[in-house]
C-alpha atoms as a PDB file:
ATOM      1  CA  MET A   1       6.528  -1.813 -16.028  1.00  0.00           C
ATOM      2  CA  LYS A   2       7.425   1.849 -16.611  1.00  0.00           C
ATOM      3  CA  ASN A   3       6.070   3.345 -13.352  1.00  0.00           C
ATOM      4  CA  LEU A   4       4.200   2.133 -10.285  1.00  0.00           C
ATOM      5  CA  LEU A   5       1.361   4.602  -9.805  1.00  0.00           C
ATOM      6  CA  LYS A   6      -1.480   2.219  -8.914  1.00  0.00           C
ATOM      7  CA  MET A   7      -2.050  -1.512  -8.698  1.00  0.00           C
ATOM      8  CA  SER A   8      -3.921  -1.655 -12.000  1.00  0.00           C
ATOM      9  CA  ASP A   9      -0.677  -0.614 -13.724  1.00  0.00           C
ATOM     10  CA  LEU A  10       0.456  -4.209 -13.139  1.00  0.00           C
ATOM     11  CA  SER A  11      -0.405  -7.410 -14.937  1.00  0.00           C
ATOM     12  CA  PRO A  12      -0.746 -10.598 -12.874  1.00  0.00           C
ATOM     13  CA  ALA A  13       2.650 -11.716 -14.197  1.00  0.00           C
ATOM     14  CA  GLU A  14       4.294  -8.422 -13.218  1.00  0.00           C
ATOM     15  CA  LEU A  15       2.763  -8.627  -9.754  1.00  0.00           C
ATOM     16  CA  THR A  16       4.124 -12.141  -9.257  1.00  0.00           C
ATOM     17  CA  HIS A  17       7.537 -11.082 -10.559  1.00  0.00           C
ATOM     18  CA  ILE A  18       7.759  -8.243  -8.018  1.00  0.00           C
ATOM     19  CA  LEU A  19       6.910 -10.650  -5.188  1.00  0.00           C
ATOM     20  CA  ASP A  20       9.439 -13.202  -6.438  1.00  0.00           C
ATOM     21  CA  VAL A  21      12.206 -10.586  -6.618  1.00  0.00           C
ATOM     22  CA  ALA A  22      11.217  -9.280  -3.174  1.00  0.00           C
ATOM     23  CA  ASP A  23      11.550 -12.795  -1.755  1.00  0.00           C
ATOM     24  CA  GLN A  24      15.020 -13.124  -3.307  1.00  0.00           C
ATOM     25  CA  LEU A  25      16.199  -9.749  -2.031  1.00  0.00           C
ATOM     26  CA  LYS A  26      14.857 -10.422   1.454  1.00  0.00           C
ATOM     27  CA  ALA A  27      16.677 -13.764   1.613  1.00  0.00           C
ATOM     28  CA  GLN A  28      19.895 -12.156   0.378  1.00  0.00           C
ATOM     29  CA  GLN A  29      19.626  -9.348   2.919  1.00  0.00           C
ATOM     30  CA  LYS A  30      19.207 -11.851   5.752  1.00  0.00           C
ATOM     31  CA  LEU A  31      22.367 -13.618   4.564  1.00  0.00           C
ATOM     32  CA  GLY A  32      24.465 -10.456   4.643  1.00  0.00           C
ATOM     33  CA  GLY A  33      23.324  -7.967   2.037  1.00  0.00           C
ATOM     34  CA  THR A  34      21.980  -7.433  -1.458  1.00  0.00           C
ATOM     35  CA  ALA A  35      23.987  -6.698  -4.590  1.00  0.00           C
ATOM     36  CA  PRO A  36      24.495  -2.993  -5.438  1.00  0.00           C
ATOM     37  CA  LEU A  37      21.862  -3.046  -8.167  1.00  0.00           C
ATOM     38  CA  LEU A  38      21.395   0.743  -7.921  1.00  0.00           C
ATOM     39  CA  ALA A  39      25.091   1.651  -7.939  1.00  0.00           C
ATOM     40  CA  GLY A  40      25.411   5.128  -9.448  1.00  0.00           C
ATOM     41  CA  LYS A  41      21.616   5.635  -9.417  1.00  0.00           C
ATOM     42  CA  THR A  42      19.814   8.483  -7.660  1.00  0.00           C
ATOM     43  CA  VAL A  43      16.277   8.409  -6.263  1.00  0.00           C
ATOM     44  CA  ALA A  44      14.307  11.506  -5.254  1.00  0.00           C
ATOM     45  CA  LEU A  45      12.066  10.852  -2.220  1.00  0.00           C
ATOM     46  CA  ILE A  46       9.464  13.627  -2.216  1.00  0.00           C
ATOM     47  CA  PHE A  47       7.000  13.845   0.651  1.00  0.00           C
ATOM     48  CA  SER A  48       3.969  16.103   0.844  1.00  0.00           C
ATOM     49  CA  LYS A  49       2.592  14.046   3.767  1.00  0.00           C
ATOM     50  CA  ALA A  50       4.146  12.933   7.040  1.00  0.00           C
ATOM     51  CA  SER A  51       5.599   9.440   6.924  1.00  0.00           C
ATOM     52  CA  THR A  52       7.360   6.839   9.047  1.00  0.00           C
ATOM     53  CA  ARG A  53       7.424   3.539   7.134  1.00  0.00           C
ATOM     54  CA  THR A  54       7.382   4.843   3.556  1.00  0.00           C
ATOM     55  CA  ARG A  55      10.180   7.333   4.106  1.00  0.00           C
ATOM     56  CA  THR A  56      12.472   5.122   6.160  1.00  0.00           C
ATOM     57  CA  SER A  57      11.937   1.940   4.133  1.00  0.00           C
ATOM     58  CA  PHE A  58      12.749   3.726   0.881  1.00  0.00           C
ATOM     59  CA  GLU A  59      15.792   5.449   2.389  1.00  0.00           C
ATOM     60  CA  VAL A  60      17.137   2.166   3.760  1.00  0.00           C
ATOM     61  CA  GLY A  61      16.227   0.248   0.599  1.00  0.00           C
ATOM     62  CA  VAL A  62      18.021   2.623  -1.769  1.00  0.00           C
ATOM     63  CA  TYR A  63      21.077   2.520   0.489  1.00  0.00           C
ATOM     64  CA  GLN A  64      21.100  -1.277   0.668  1.00  0.00           C
ATOM     65  CA  LEU A  65      20.963  -1.424  -3.130  1.00  0.00           C
ATOM     66  CA  GLY A  66      23.940   0.922  -3.436  1.00  0.00           C
ATOM     67  CA  GLY A  67      22.124   4.022  -4.660  1.00  0.00           C
ATOM     68  CA  LEU A  68      21.638   7.565  -3.358  1.00  0.00           C
ATOM     69  CA  GLY A  69      18.227   8.527  -1.977  1.00  0.00           C
ATOM     70  CA  ASN A  70      17.486  12.195  -1.314  1.00  0.00           C
ATOM     71  CA  TYR A  71      14.572  13.056   0.992  1.00  0.00           C
ATOM     72  CA  MET A  72      12.684  16.255   0.179  1.00  0.00           C
ATOM     73  CA  ASN A  73       9.759  17.884   1.952  1.00  0.00           C
ATOM     74  CA  THR A  74       7.666  19.696  -0.637  1.00  0.00           C
ATOM     75  CA  ALA A  75       7.167  22.593   1.777  1.00  0.00           C
ATOM     76  CA  GLU A  76      10.916  23.217   1.500  1.00  0.00           C
ATOM     77  CA  LEU A  77      10.979  23.091  -2.315  1.00  0.00           C
ATOM     78  CA  GLN A  78      10.054  25.884  -4.685  1.00  0.00           C
ATOM     79  CA  ALA A  79       6.879  23.896  -5.341  1.00  0.00           C
ATOM     80  CA  GLY A  80       5.886  24.910  -1.823  1.00  0.00           C
ATOM     81  CA  ARG A  81       6.137  28.533  -2.915  1.00  0.00           C
ATOM     82  CA  GLY A  82       4.052  28.157  -6.037  1.00  0.00           C
ATOM     83  CA  GLU A  83       6.359  26.711  -8.716  1.00  0.00           C
ATOM     84  CA  PRO A  84       4.176  24.754 -11.154  1.00  0.00           C
ATOM     85  CA  LEU A  85       4.219  20.991 -10.747  1.00  0.00           C
ATOM     86  CA  LYS A  86       5.205  20.514 -14.362  1.00  0.00           C
ATOM     87  CA  ASP A  87       8.356  22.591 -13.873  1.00  0.00           C
ATOM     88  CA  THR A  88       9.409  20.606 -10.812  1.00  0.00           C
ATOM     89  CA  ALA A  89       8.812  17.341 -12.688  1.00  0.00           C
ATOM     90  CA  ARG A  90      10.869  18.395 -15.702  1.00  0.00           C
ATOM     91  CA  VAL A  91      13.782  19.514 -13.526  1.00  0.00           C
ATOM     92  CA  LEU A  92      13.929  16.538 -11.157  1.00  0.00           C
ATOM     93  CA  GLY A  93      13.623  14.144 -14.090  1.00  0.00           C
ATOM     94  CA  ARG A  94      16.939  15.527 -15.374  1.00  0.00           C
ATOM     95  CA  TYR A  95      18.710  15.068 -12.037  1.00  0.00           C
ATOM     96  CA  TYR A  96      17.333  11.753 -10.790  1.00  0.00           C
ATOM     97  CA  ASP A  97      16.900   8.250 -12.161  1.00  0.00           C
ATOM     98  CA  CYS A  98      13.650   7.663 -10.263  1.00  0.00           C
ATOM     99  CA  VAL A  99      11.170   9.649  -8.182  1.00  0.00           C
ATOM    100  CA  VAL A 100       9.088   8.418  -5.234  1.00  0.00           C
ATOM    101  CA  TRP A 101       6.296  10.818  -4.292  1.00  0.00           C
ATOM    102  CA  ARG A 102       3.905  10.671  -1.335  1.00  0.00           C
ATOM    103  CA  THR A 103       1.193  13.207  -2.009  1.00  0.00           C
ATOM    104  CA  TYR A 104      -2.548  13.837  -2.042  1.00  0.00           C
ATOM    105  CA  ARG A 105      -4.107  13.836  -5.504  1.00  0.00           C
ATOM    106  CA  GLN A 106      -3.547  10.895  -7.824  1.00  0.00           C
ATOM    107  CA  SER A 107      -3.967  13.250 -10.776  1.00  0.00           C
ATOM    108  CA  ASP A 108      -0.913  15.237  -9.643  1.00  0.00           C
ATOM    109  CA  LEU A 109       1.148  12.055  -9.485  1.00  0.00           C
ATOM    110  CA  GLU A 110      -0.030  10.997 -12.938  1.00  0.00           C
ATOM    111  CA  GLU A 111       0.862  14.415 -14.383  1.00  0.00           C
ATOM    112  CA  PHE A 112       4.286  14.311 -12.716  1.00  0.00           C
ATOM    113  CA  ALA A 113       4.987  10.879 -14.212  1.00  0.00           C
ATOM    114  CA  GLU A 114       4.063  12.056 -17.697  1.00  0.00           C
ATOM    115  CA  LEU A 115       6.535  14.945 -17.535  1.00  0.00           C
ATOM    116  CA  ALA A 116       9.434  13.596 -15.473  1.00  0.00           C
ATOM    117  CA  GLY A 117      10.748  11.195 -18.089  1.00  0.00           C
ATOM    118  CA  VAL A 118      11.994   8.759 -15.406  1.00  0.00           C
ATOM    119  CA  PRO A 119      10.210   6.030 -13.442  1.00  0.00           C
ATOM    120  CA  VAL A 120       7.841   7.337 -10.766  1.00  0.00           C
ATOM    121  CA  ILE A 121       6.630   5.333  -7.755  1.00  0.00           C
ATOM    122  CA  ASN A 122       3.524   6.126  -5.724  1.00  0.00           C
ATOM    123  CA  GLY A 123       4.463   6.434  -2.039  1.00  0.00           C
ATOM    124  CA  LEU A 124       0.758   7.037  -1.200  1.00  0.00           C
ATOM    125  CA  THR A 125      -2.018   9.158  -2.606  1.00  0.00           C
ATOM    126  CA  ASP A 126      -5.607   9.574  -1.511  1.00  0.00           C
ATOM    127  CA  TYR A 127      -6.494   7.057  -4.257  1.00  0.00           C
ATOM    128  CA  ALA A 128      -3.836   4.344  -4.079  1.00  0.00           C
ATOM    129  CA  HIS A 129      -1.130   2.764  -1.920  1.00  0.00           C
ATOM    130  CA  PRO A 130       0.469   0.136  -4.167  1.00  0.00           C
ATOM    131  CA  CYS A 131       3.703  -0.348  -2.207  1.00  0.00           C
ATOM    132  CA  GLN A 132       1.760  -1.201   0.939  1.00  0.00           C
ATOM    133  CA  VAL A 133      -0.444  -3.701  -0.856  1.00  0.00           C
ATOM    134  CA  LEU A 134       2.564  -5.401  -2.429  1.00  0.00           C
ATOM    135  CA  ALA A 135       3.938  -5.824   1.096  1.00  0.00           C
ATOM    136  CA  ASP A 136       0.583  -7.218   2.241  1.00  0.00           C
ATOM    137  CA  LEU A 137       0.533  -9.781  -0.565  1.00  0.00           C
ATOM    138  CA  MET A 138       4.149 -10.727   0.106  1.00  0.00           C
ATOM    139  CA  THR A 139       3.331 -11.329   3.764  1.00  0.00           C
ATOM    140  CA  ILE A 140       0.282 -13.459   2.982  1.00  0.00           C
ATOM    141  CA  ARG A 141       2.272 -15.562   0.517  1.00  0.00           C
ATOM    142  CA  GLU A 142       5.120 -16.010   3.015  1.00  0.00           C
ATOM    143  CA  ARG A 143       2.783 -17.230   5.727  1.00  0.00           C
ATOM    144  CA  ARG A 144       0.248 -19.164   3.652  1.00  0.00           C
ATOM    145  CA  GLY A 145       2.365 -20.383   0.721  1.00  0.00           C
ATOM    146  CA  SER A 146      -0.019 -19.165  -1.968  1.00  0.00           C
ATOM    147  CA  LEU A 147      -2.447 -16.387  -2.800  1.00  0.00           C
ATOM    148  CA  ALA A 148      -4.802 -17.860  -5.387  1.00  0.00           C
ATOM    149  CA  GLY A 149      -8.182 -18.860  -4.023  1.00  0.00           C
ATOM    150  CA  ARG A 150      -7.682 -17.442  -0.547  1.00  0.00           C
ATOM    151  CA  LYS A 151     -10.294 -15.066   0.829  1.00  0.00           C
ATOM    152  CA  LEU A 152      -9.072 -11.551   1.603  1.00  0.00           C
ATOM    153  CA  CYS A 153     -11.432  -9.218   3.450  1.00  0.00           C
ATOM    154  CA  PHE A 154     -10.840  -5.505   3.941  1.00  0.00           C
ATOM    155  CA  VAL A 155     -12.833  -3.692   6.633  1.00  0.00           C
ATOM    156  CA  GLY A 156     -12.831   0.099   6.777  1.00  0.00           C
ATOM    157  CA  ASP A 157     -12.876   3.226   4.643  1.00  0.00           C
ATOM    158  CA  GLY A 158     -13.077   2.609   0.906  1.00  0.00           C
ATOM    159  CA  SER A 159     -10.149   4.899   0.111  1.00  0.00           C
ATOM    160  CA  SER A 160      -6.539   4.239  -0.916  1.00  0.00           C
ATOM    161  CA  MET A 161      -5.978   0.967   0.936  1.00  0.00           C
ATOM    162  CA  ALA A 162      -9.321  -0.511  -0.104  1.00  0.00           C
ATOM    163  CA  ASN A 163      -8.825   0.573  -3.719  1.00  0.00           C
ATOM    164  CA  SER A 164      -5.391  -1.022  -3.894  1.00  0.00           C
ATOM    165  CA  LEU A 165      -6.197  -4.208  -1.970  1.00  0.00           C
ATOM    166  CA  ILE A 166      -9.199  -4.903  -4.178  1.00  0.00           C
ATOM    167  CA  VAL A 167      -7.168  -4.623  -7.361  1.00  0.00           C
ATOM    168  CA  GLY A 168      -4.078  -6.353  -5.983  1.00  0.00           C
ATOM    169  CA  GLY A 169      -6.002  -9.222  -4.460  1.00  0.00           C
ATOM    170  CA  LEU A 170      -7.965  -9.867  -7.646  1.00  0.00           C
ATOM    171  CA  LEU A 171      -4.829  -9.712  -9.796  1.00  0.00           C
ATOM    172  CA  ALA A 172      -3.308 -12.314  -7.472  1.00  0.00           C
ATOM    173  CA  GLY A 173      -6.282 -14.661  -7.937  1.00  0.00           C
ATOM    174  CA  MET A 174      -7.788 -14.122  -4.485  1.00  0.00           C
ATOM    175  CA  GLN A 175     -11.421 -13.911  -3.453  1.00  0.00           C
ATOM    176  CA  VAL A 176     -11.820 -10.313  -2.253  1.00  0.00           C
ATOM    177  CA  THR A 177     -14.508  -8.820  -0.024  1.00  0.00           C
ATOM    178  CA  CYS A 178     -14.637  -5.132   0.851  1.00  0.00           C
ATOM    179  CA  VAL A 179     -16.641  -4.106   3.922  1.00  0.00           C
ATOM    180  CA  CYS A 180     -17.393  -0.406   4.301  1.00  0.00           C
ATOM    181  CA  PRO A 181     -20.288   1.929   5.112  1.00  0.00           C
ATOM    182  CA  GLN A 182     -22.416   2.880   2.140  1.00  0.00           C
ATOM    183  CA  SER A 183     -21.089   6.446   2.046  1.00  0.00           C
ATOM    184  CA  TYR A 184     -17.440   5.309   2.158  1.00  0.00           C
ATOM    185  CA  ARG A 185     -17.373   3.022  -0.872  1.00  0.00           C
ATOM    186  CA  PRO A 186     -14.245   2.450  -2.988  1.00  0.00           C
ATOM    187  CA  ALA A 187     -13.609   4.494  -6.146  1.00  0.00           C
ATOM    188  CA  ALA A 188     -16.030   3.916  -9.021  1.00  0.00           C
ATOM    189  CA  ASP A 189     -13.300   2.828 -11.445  1.00  0.00           C
ATOM    190  CA  VAL A 190     -12.028   0.268  -8.911  1.00  0.00           C
ATOM    191  CA  LEU A 191     -15.533  -1.185  -8.595  1.00  0.00           C
ATOM    192  CA  MET A 192     -15.750  -1.329 -12.396  1.00  0.00           C
ATOM    193  CA  PHE A 193     -12.421  -3.175 -12.467  1.00  0.00           C
ATOM    194  CA  ALA A 194     -13.647  -5.591  -9.789  1.00  0.00           C
ATOM    195  CA  HIS A 195     -16.905  -6.198 -11.646  1.00  0.00           C
ATOM    196  CA  LYS A 196     -14.915  -7.958 -14.382  1.00  0.00           C
ATOM    197  CA  TYR A 197     -13.955 -10.638 -11.855  1.00  0.00           C
ATOM    198  CA  GLY A 198     -17.564 -11.612 -11.164  1.00  0.00           C
ATOM    199  CA  SER A 199     -18.124 -13.621  -7.999  1.00  0.00           C
ATOM    200  CA  ALA A 200     -14.471 -13.260  -6.943  1.00  0.00           C
ATOM    201  CA  PHE A 201     -15.388  -9.813  -5.580  1.00  0.00           C
ATOM    202  CA  HIS A 202     -18.038  -8.896  -3.039  1.00  0.00           C
ATOM    203  CA  LEU A 203     -18.920  -5.490  -1.582  1.00  0.00           C
ATOM    204  CA  THR A 204     -20.965  -5.285   1.603  1.00  0.00           C
ATOM    205  CA  ALA A 205     -21.710  -2.941   4.484  1.00  0.00           C
ATOM    206  CA  ASP A 206     -22.028  -5.853   6.956  1.00  0.00           C
ATOM    207  CA  PRO A 207     -18.715  -6.712   8.708  1.00  0.00           C
ATOM    208  CA  ALA A 208     -19.968 -10.085  10.002  1.00  0.00           C
ATOM    209  CA  GLU A 209     -21.033 -11.127   6.513  1.00  0.00           C
ATOM    210  CA  GLY A 210     -17.794  -9.941   4.912  1.00  0.00           C
ATOM    211  CA  ILE A 211     -15.451 -11.641   7.375  1.00  0.00           C
ATOM    212  CA  GLN A 212     -17.195 -15.017   7.130  1.00  0.00           C
ATOM    213  CA  ASP A 213     -14.553 -17.700   6.386  1.00  0.00           C
ATOM    214  CA  ALA A 214     -11.858 -15.127   5.590  1.00  0.00           C
ATOM    215  CA  ASP A 215      -8.250 -16.299   5.423  1.00  0.00           C
ATOM    216  CA  VAL A 216      -6.960 -12.743   5.805  1.00  0.00           C
ATOM    217  CA  VAL A 217      -8.634  -9.664   7.258  1.00  0.00           C
ATOM    218  CA  ALA A 218      -7.034  -6.267   6.679  1.00  0.00           C
ATOM    219  CA  THR A 219      -7.922  -2.872   8.024  1.00  0.00           C
ATOM    220  CA  ALA A 220      -6.551   0.666   8.128  1.00  0.00           C
ATOM    221  CA  VAL A 221      -7.241   3.891   9.990  1.00  0.00           C
ATOM    222  CA  TRP A 222     -10.723   5.114   9.153  1.00  0.00           C
ATOM    223  CA  ASN A 223     -10.847   8.116  11.482  1.00  0.00           C
ATOM    224  CA  THR A 224      -8.446  10.214   9.418  1.00  0.00           C
ATOM    225  CA  ALA A 225      -9.837  13.581  10.536  1.00  0.00           C
ATOM    226  CA  LYS A 226      -8.313  15.747  13.249  1.00  0.00           C
ATOM    227  CA  PRO A 227      -9.581  14.577  16.673  1.00  0.00           C
ATOM    228  CA  GLY A 228     -12.426  16.619  18.106  1.00  0.00           C
ATOM    229  CA  THR A 229     -13.530  18.062  14.760  1.00  0.00           C
ATOM    230  CA  PRO A 230     -17.060  17.569  13.384  1.00  0.00           C
ATOM    231  CA  GLU A 231     -15.679  15.280  10.668  1.00  0.00           C
ATOM    232  CA  SER A 232     -13.913  13.116  13.231  1.00  0.00           C
ATOM    233  CA  GLU A 233     -17.054  12.831  15.338  1.00  0.00           C
ATOM    234  CA  GLN A 234     -19.081  11.964  12.241  1.00  0.00           C
ATOM    235  CA  ARG A 235     -16.634   9.219  11.278  1.00  0.00           C
ATOM    236  CA  LEU A 236     -16.776   7.748  14.776  1.00  0.00           C
ATOM    237  CA  ARG A 237     -20.555   7.486  14.375  1.00  0.00           C
ATOM    238  CA  ASP A 238     -20.429   6.178  10.804  1.00  0.00           C
ATOM    239  CA  PHE A 239     -17.945   3.409  11.596  1.00  0.00           C
ATOM    240  CA  VAL A 240     -19.651   1.959  14.674  1.00  0.00           C
ATOM    241  CA  GLY A 241     -19.350  -1.821  14.307  1.00  0.00           C
ATOM    242  CA  TYR A 242     -16.357  -1.660  11.956  1.00  0.00           C
ATOM    243  CA  GLN A 243     -13.722  -2.370  14.600  1.00  0.00           C
ATOM    244  CA  LEU A 244     -11.788  -5.638  14.338  1.00  0.00           C
ATOM    245  CA  THR A 245     -12.542  -7.348  17.643  1.00  0.00           C
ATOM    246  CA  SER A 246     -12.076 -10.913  18.829  1.00  0.00           C
ATOM    247  CA  LYS A 247     -15.843 -11.359  18.662  1.00  0.00           C
ATOM    248  CA  LEU A 248     -16.097 -10.133  15.067  1.00  0.00           C
ATOM    249  CA  LEU A 249     -13.224 -12.365  13.950  1.00  0.00           C
ATOM    250  CA  GLU A 250     -14.926 -15.499  15.284  1.00  0.00           C
ATOM    251  CA  SER A 251     -16.619 -15.964  11.904  1.00  0.00           C
ATOM    252  CA  ALA A 252     -13.297 -15.920  10.025  1.00  0.00           C
ATOM    253  CA  LYS A 253     -11.051 -18.982   9.562  1.00  0.00           C
ATOM    254  CA  PRO A 254      -9.620 -20.216  12.905  1.00  0.00           C
ATOM    255  CA  ASP A 255      -6.084 -19.356  11.737  1.00  0.00           C
ATOM    256  CA  VAL A 256      -7.068 -16.003  10.213  1.00  0.00           C
ATOM    257  CA  MET A 257      -4.298 -13.510   9.497  1.00  0.00           C
ATOM    258  CA  VAL A 258      -4.893  -9.875  10.457  1.00  0.00           C
ATOM    259  CA  LEU A 259      -3.035  -7.107   8.636  1.00  0.00           C
ATOM    260  CA  HIS A 260      -2.817  -3.389   9.335  1.00  0.00           C
ATOM    261  CA  CYS A 261      -0.829  -0.899   7.264  1.00  0.00           C
ATOM    262  CA  LEU A 262      -0.050   1.224  10.355  1.00  0.00           C
ATOM    263  CA  PRO A 263      -0.205   3.548  12.194  1.00  0.00           C
ATOM    264  CA  ALA A 264      -2.979   1.878  14.183  1.00  0.00           C
ATOM    265  CA  HIS A 265      -5.648   3.676  16.188  1.00  0.00           C
ATOM    266  CA  ARG A 266      -6.253   1.028  18.826  1.00  0.00           C
ATOM    267  CA  GLY A 267      -9.841   1.159  20.042  1.00  0.00           C
ATOM    268  CA  GLU A 268     -11.087   2.520  16.730  1.00  0.00           C
ATOM    269  CA  GLU A 269     -10.502   0.323  13.644  1.00  0.00           C
ATOM    270  CA  ILE A 270      -8.877  -2.456  15.685  1.00  0.00           C
ATOM    271  CA  SER A 271      -8.998  -3.500  19.338  1.00  0.00           C
ATOM    272  CA  SER A 272      -5.785  -3.580  21.364  1.00  0.00           C
ATOM    273  CA  ALA A 273      -6.269  -7.296  22.003  1.00  0.00           C
ATOM    274  CA  VAL A 274      -6.566  -8.170  18.311  1.00  0.00           C
ATOM    275  CA  PHE A 275      -3.638  -5.940  17.390  1.00  0.00           C
ATOM    276  CA  GLU A 276      -1.308  -7.541  19.917  1.00  0.00           C
ATOM    277  CA  GLN A 277      -2.484 -11.060  19.109  1.00  0.00           C
ATOM    278  CA  HIS A 278      -1.625 -10.490  15.445  1.00  0.00           C
ATOM    279  CA  ALA A 279       1.413  -8.244  15.943  1.00  0.00           C
ATOM    280  CA  PRO A 280       3.819 -10.830  14.441  1.00  0.00           C
ATOM    281  CA  GLU A 281       2.164 -10.730  11.017  1.00  0.00           C
ATOM    282  CA  ILE A 282       1.500  -6.973  11.217  1.00  0.00           C
ATOM    283  CA  PHE A 283       5.169  -6.210  11.809  1.00  0.00           C
ATOM    284  CA  ASP A 284       6.283  -8.751   9.181  1.00  0.00           C
ATOM    285  CA  GLU A 285       3.995  -6.781   6.884  1.00  0.00           C
ATOM    286  CA  ALA A 286       5.724  -3.543   7.912  1.00  0.00           C
ATOM    287  CA  GLU A 287       9.178  -5.052   7.326  1.00  0.00           C
ATOM    288  CA  ASN A 288       8.153  -6.300   3.914  1.00  0.00           C
ATOM    289  CA  ARG A 289       7.612  -2.723   2.752  1.00  0.00           C
ATOM    290  CA  LEU A 290      11.420  -2.563   2.578  1.00  0.00           C
ATOM    291  CA  HIS A 291      11.760  -5.700   0.484  1.00  0.00           C
ATOM    292  CA  VAL A 292       8.981  -5.093  -2.044  1.00  0.00           C
ATOM    293  CA  GLN A 293      10.117  -1.518  -2.592  1.00  0.00           C
ATOM    294  CA  LYS A 294      13.667  -2.720  -3.212  1.00  0.00           C
ATOM    295  CA  ALA A 295      12.197  -5.147  -5.742  1.00  0.00           C
ATOM    296  CA  VAL A 296      10.266  -2.392  -7.519  1.00  0.00           C
ATOM    297  CA  LEU A 297      13.379  -0.170  -7.632  1.00  0.00           C
ATOM    298  CA  ALA A 298      15.532  -3.043  -8.909  1.00  0.00           C
ATOM    299  CA  ILE A 299      13.036  -3.918 -11.639  1.00  0.00           C
ATOM    300  CA  LEU A 300      12.554  -0.316 -12.764  1.00  0.00           C
ATOM    301  CA  LEU A 301      16.210   0.735 -12.630  1.00  0.00           C
ATOM    302  CA  SER A 302      18.300  -2.381 -13.208  1.00  0.00           C
ATOM    303  CA  GLY A 303      16.001  -4.563 -15.282  1.00  0.00           C
ATOM    304  CA  LYS A 304      16.062  -7.374 -12.702  1.00  0.00           C
END
C-alpha cells in the first residue's frame, strides 16, 4: 500500500491487515499507550472542508504514535490565493513524511498524490471516505466477530459513503445492498466494480426491500445542501421514505447494528429514537476512526 485514496486501492489482504493492526493498536492504547511508531515523522493535515472527527482523530493519532501532525486550513495557505496544486504538492512532499487531505474533488487528491512523493491519505472527498469505512468494518468485526457473509445495507445518497461502503464491504466478503433514489446512484465505476461480485451486490430504490434480513444498516446525511435552499427542499422531497425508523428496521435482523458516520441530522436520514437506541455502536464507530487511522499511518510510515 503506497497511499490510501479510495477503498479500491486495497486488496482483501491489505484490508484485513489494516483491521488487524487497528485491533492491536486499540488494545495497546487501552492498556496505557502505543509504541512511538512515528517518532521523528511529520504528517501534514490539510483541510479544505470543516471537520470534527477526521481532524481530531488524526491529530490525536499522530500524537499517540509519537509523530508531529500539523493542521492546515487551505484558505490560509498560498493555495487559497491561487498557487497551483502541483506546486503545493511538490513543496509539502519535501517537508512532510505523509499528507492527509480532506477536500472536494477526488481528481485533485489523485494529482496531489502523484506529485507529492510521500504517502497521501484521503480524509474525505466527494467520491470516497475510506478512513470512515475502515472504522465501520472494524466496528462490525468487533461486535459480530466476522465480516464474511454478513449482509450490509446502506440507505441514503449514493455519494462518498455509499461508494466506499460498497467497495469495502465486498472486499471484506460481505453481502452488500445499496438503497438510494434513482437519481442519487453511486458512481459508475463503483457499480462496475460491484458487478464483478455478482449476487453479492444489490442496488435498489426500495428501503424495505434493501433492509430485509440485514445484519448491519448504515446511513449518512443525505440533505447536504444549505437549509432553506431549493436544493435542500428538493432533497427533502427526493428522500421521503429513506429515514431509518424503528418501523423500517423491523425487516432487518432482530439484533441489527445501525451505523452512522456523523454528524447526524435527526429527523432526516435517521429518527432520534433509532439513533439513541444504537448510540453505543455509532460512538464505537466514531472512536474507531482513531484506531484505524493510526493503523494506516503505522503501515505507511513504519512498515508495521
